[in-house]
Amino acid sequence: MTDDEALSDYVPDDRAAELLHVSKAALRQWRYEGRGPRYTKAGRRILYSKRELVRWLEANERQGTAVA
């Protein structure tokens, strides 16, 4: 994988919110609470790896709403 390919895996928070079908405010709140997908800070920018978004979604899969 080239550097360009690796970097193209990262998306800004507005695109991550779009991909997850949530608001930027929801992502911001999840970051604050420490319960959202892992992210990277590049200066003032928040970036999410597309692979991390998929990993986080898979880690949060559920089969039902009953308490385990």
C-alpha atoms as a PDB file:
ATOM      1  CA  MET A   1       0.000   0.000   0.000  1.00  0.00           C
ATOM      2  CA  THR A   2       1.400   3.395  -0.947  1.00  0.00           C
ATOM      3  CA  ASP A   3       1.317   6.429   1.333  1.00  0.00           C
ATOM      4  CA  ASP A   4      -1.367   8.015  -0.857  1.00  0.00           C
ATOM      5  CA  GLU A   5      -3.552   4.914  -0.552  1.00  0.00           C
ATOM      6  CA  ALA A   6      -3.078   4.795   3.209  1.00  0.00           C
ATOM      7  CA  LEU A   7      -3.959   8.468   3.599  1.00  0.00           C
ATOM      8  CA  SER A   8      -7.033   8.142   1.377  1.00  0.00           C
ATOM      9  CA  ASP A   9      -8.454   5.819   4.050  1.00  0.00           C
ATOM     10  CA  TYR A  10      -8.912   8.849   6.354  1.00  0.00           C
ATOM     11  CA  VAL A  11     -11.996  11.054   6.154  1.00  0.00           C
ATOM     12  CA  PRO A  12     -12.876  14.270   8.028  1.00  0.00           C
ATOM     13  CA  ASP A  13     -15.516  14.186  10.754  1.00  0.00           C
ATOM     14  CA  ASP A  14     -18.280  15.579   8.526  1.00  0.00           C
ATOM     15  CA  ARG A  15     -17.773  12.719   6.030  1.00  0.00           C
ATOM     16  CA  ALA A  16     -17.557  10.156   8.860  1.00  0.00           C
ATOM     17  CA  ALA A  17     -20.873  11.440  10.228  1.00  0.00           C
ATOM     18  CA  GLU A  18     -22.371  11.114   6.758  1.00  0.00           C
ATOM     19  CA  LEU A  19     -21.098   7.538   6.387  1.00  0.00           C
ATOM     20  CA  LEU A  20     -22.511   6.577   9.811  1.00  0.00           C
ATOM     21  CA  HIS A  21     -25.797   8.437   9.186  1.00  0.00           C
ATOM     22  CA  VAL A  22     -25.400  10.526  12.338  1.00  0.00           C
ATOM     23  CA  SER A  23     -24.832  14.224  12.956  1.00  0.00           C
ATOM     24  CA  LYS A  24     -21.444  15.833  13.534  1.00  0.00           C
ATOM     25  CA  ALA A  25     -22.771  16.757  16.970  1.00  0.00           C
ATOM     26  CA  ALA A  26     -23.360  13.061  17.732  1.00  0.00           C
ATOM     27  CA  LEU A  27     -19.758  12.237  16.774  1.00  0.00           C
ATOM     28  CA  ARG A  28     -18.516  15.142  18.895  1.00  0.00           C
ATOM     29  CA  GLN A  29     -20.531  13.885  21.879  1.00  0.00           C
ATOM     30  CA  TRP A  30     -19.259  10.320  21.385  1.00  0.00           C
ATOM     31  CA  ARG A  31     -15.666  11.628  21.311  1.00  0.00           C
ATOM     32  CA  TYR A  32     -16.296  13.538  24.525  1.00  0.00           C
ATOM     33  CA  GLU A  33     -17.806  10.443  26.196  1.00  0.00           C
ATOM     34  CA  GLY A  34     -15.128   8.130  24.791  1.00  0.00           C
ATOM     35  CA  ARG A  35     -17.660   5.760  23.241  1.00  0.00           C
ATOM     36  CA  GLY A  36     -17.423   6.441  19.513  1.00  0.00           C
ATOM     37  CA  PRO A  37     -15.005   5.207  16.880  1.00  0.00           C
ATOM     38  CA  ARG A  38     -11.317   5.919  17.417  1.00  0.00           C
ATOM     39  CA  TYR A  39     -10.115   9.060  15.675  1.00  0.00           C
ATOM     40  CA  THR A  40      -6.940  10.927  14.833  1.00  0.00           C
ATOM     41  CA  LYS A  41      -6.216  14.610  15.374  1.00  0.00           C
ATOM     42  CA  ALA A  42      -4.201  16.378  12.698  1.00  0.00           C
ATOM     43  CA  GLY A  43      -3.776  19.856  14.078  1.00  0.00           C
ATOM     44  CA  ARG A  44      -7.332  21.016  14.653  1.00  0.00           C
ATOM     45  CA  ARG A  45      -8.829  18.514  12.228  1.00  0.00           C
ATOM     46  CA  ILE A  46     -10.490  15.309  13.370  1.00  0.00           C
ATOM     47  CA  LEU A  47      -9.974  12.390  10.998  1.00  0.00           C
ATOM     48  CA  TYR A  48     -11.486   8.921  11.007  1.00  0.00           C
ATOM     49  CA  SER A  49     -10.114   5.858   9.281  1.00  0.00           C
ATOM     50  CA  LYS A  50     -12.777   4.148   7.165  1.00  0.00           C
ATOM     51  CA  ARG A  51     -11.454   0.814   8.456  1.00  0.00           C
ATOM     52  CA  GLU A  52     -11.957   2.037  12.030  1.00  0.00           C
ATOM     53  CA  LEU A  53     -15.532   3.091  11.258  1.00  0.00           C
ATOM     54  CA  VAL A  54     -16.278  -0.426   9.979  1.00  0.00           C
ATOM     55  CA  ARG A  55     -14.488  -2.026  12.964  1.00  0.00           C
ATOM     56  CA  TRP A  56     -16.479   0.125  15.392  1.00  0.00           C
ATOM     57  CA  LEU A  57     -19.776  -0.725  13.683  1.00  0.00           C
ATOM     58  CA  GLU A  58     -18.965  -4.439  13.774  1.00  0.00           C
ATOM     59  CA  ALA A  59     -17.985  -4.210  17.452  1.00  0.00           C
ATOM     60  CA  ASN A  60     -21.386  -2.667  18.198  1.00  0.00           C
ATOM     61  CA  GLU A  61     -23.516  -5.255  16.394  1.00  0.00           C
ATOM     62  CA  ARG A  62     -26.425  -6.578  18.429  1.00  0.00           C
ATOM     63  CA  GLN A  63     -28.922  -9.396  17.942  1.00  0.00           C
ATOM     64  CA  GLY A  64     -31.720  -8.081  20.095  1.00  0.00           C
ATOM     65  CA  THR A  65     -32.758  -5.447  22.583  1.00  0.00           C
ATOM     66  CA  ALA A  66     -33.091  -7.733  25.606  1.00  0.00           C
ATOM     67  CA  VAL A  67     -30.526  -7.267  28.341  1.00  0.00           C
ATOM     68  CA  ALA A  68     -27.901 -10.023  28.261  1.00  0.00           C
END
